[in-house]
Protein backbone atom coordinates (compact mmCIF):
# COMPACT_ATOMS: atom_id res chain seq x y z
CA UNK A 1 -238.21 -110.65 -44.37
CA UNK A 2 -236.27 -112.24 -47.24
CA UNK A 3 -232.66 -113.22 -46.65
CA UNK A 4 -230.37 -112.03 -49.46
CA UNK A 5 -226.91 -112.89 -48.09
CA UNK A 6 -225.64 -115.62 -45.79
CA UNK A 7 -222.23 -115.90 -44.16
CA UNK A 8 -221.34 -119.45 -43.23
CA UNK A 9 -218.52 -120.24 -40.81
CA UNK A 10 -217.69 -123.92 -41.17
CA UNK A 11 -216.31 -126.27 -38.56
CA UNK A 12 -216.29 -130.04 -38.03
CA UNK A 13 -219.66 -130.38 -36.32
CA UNK A 14 -221.22 -126.96 -35.67
CA UNK A 15 -221.63 -124.23 -38.29
CA UNK A 16 -222.39 -120.58 -37.51
CA UNK A 17 -224.94 -119.17 -39.97
CA UNK A 18 -225.52 -115.40 -40.26
CA UNK A 19 -228.22 -114.13 -42.62
CA UNK A 20 -228.98 -110.55 -43.65
CA UNK A 21 -231.68 -108.85 -45.70
CA UNK A 22 -231.17 -106.40 -48.59
CA UNK A 23 -231.34 -103.58 -45.99
CA UNK A 24 -228.47 -105.19 -44.01
CA UNK A 25 -230.80 -106.16 -41.17
CA UNK A 26 -229.82 -109.34 -39.34
CA UNK A 27 -232.39 -112.03 -40.13
CA UNK A 28 -230.69 -114.76 -38.06
CA UNK A 29 -227.39 -115.61 -36.44
CA UNK A 30 -227.38 -119.13 -35.11
CA UNK A 31 -225.35 -122.30 -34.82
CA UNK A 32 -226.37 -125.37 -36.80
CA UNK A 33 -225.19 -128.92 -36.44
CA UNK A 34 -223.93 -130.67 -39.57
CA UNK A 35 -227.06 -132.82 -39.77
CA UNK A 36 -229.29 -129.69 -39.76
CA UNK A 37 -227.46 -127.79 -42.51
CA UNK A 38 -229.10 -129.07 -45.69
CA UNK A 39 -232.57 -129.05 -44.14
CA UNK A 40 -232.05 -125.43 -43.05
CA UNK A 41 -230.97 -124.26 -46.52
CA UNK A 42 -233.75 -126.16 -48.27
CA UNK A 43 -236.30 -123.95 -46.47
CA UNK A 44 -234.73 -120.68 -47.66
CA UNK A 45 -235.26 -118.77 -50.88
CA UNK A 46 -232.21 -118.70 -53.21
CA UNK A 47 -229.60 -116.20 -52.03
CA UNK A 48 -225.87 -115.45 -51.96
CA UNK A 49 -223.74 -117.57 -49.60
CA UNK A 50 -220.20 -116.65 -48.59
CA UNK A 51 -217.71 -118.92 -46.86
CA UNK A 52 -213.97 -119.30 -46.58
CA UNK A 53 -212.31 -120.67 -49.72
CA UNK A 54 -210.88 -123.84 -48.24
CA UNK A 55 -214.30 -124.90 -46.98
CA UNK A 56 -216.38 -124.46 -50.16
CA UNK A 57 -215.41 -127.85 -51.52
CA UNK A 58 -216.65 -129.58 -48.35
CA UNK A 59 -220.10 -128.00 -48.66
CA UNK A 60 -220.29 -128.90 -52.35
CA UNK A 61 -219.38 -132.50 -51.49
CA UNK A 62 -222.09 -132.64 -48.81
CA UNK A 63 -224.85 -131.13 -50.94
CA UNK A 64 -223.83 -132.31 -54.39
CA UNK A 65 -223.37 -128.64 -55.36
CA UNK A 66 -224.92 -125.52 -53.81
CA UNK A 67 -225.95 -124.32 -57.26
CA UNK A 68 -228.44 -127.17 -57.56
CA UNK A 69 -230.63 -125.36 -55.06
CA UNK A 70 -230.28 -122.00 -56.90
CA UNK A 71 -227.86 -120.62 -54.31
CA UNK A 72 -224.85 -118.62 -55.48
CA UNK A 73 -221.85 -119.77 -53.45
CA UNK A 74 -218.77 -117.55 -53.42
CA UNK A 75 -215.38 -118.05 -51.83
CA UNK A 76 -213.80 -115.61 -49.40
CA UNK A 77 -210.01 -115.67 -49.26
CA UNK A 78 -208.67 -116.66 -45.85
CA UNK A 79 -206.80 -113.33 -45.70
CA UNK A 80 -210.14 -111.50 -45.81
CA UNK A 81 -211.91 -113.70 -43.27
CA UNK A 82 -208.97 -113.57 -40.84
CA UNK A 83 -207.08 -110.26 -41.33
CA UNK A 84 -203.88 -110.83 -39.32
């Protein structure tokens, strides 16, 4: 089962990671601690990663740049991730 899309909800210490396949089947939905994040992504095949716009810079700072690992990182506007 190859993961094609990952949604990443960022927080200070624990991240929620939700991965789906091309058939929209849930591959995983789990929390990860900050220290586990880069190790987790290094074991995955390249895929699309979505996260809220204000948080993308923090991930790029932590990893150098998500594109180094052949991941496509896109930003989701806060309005879309929290429709109030």
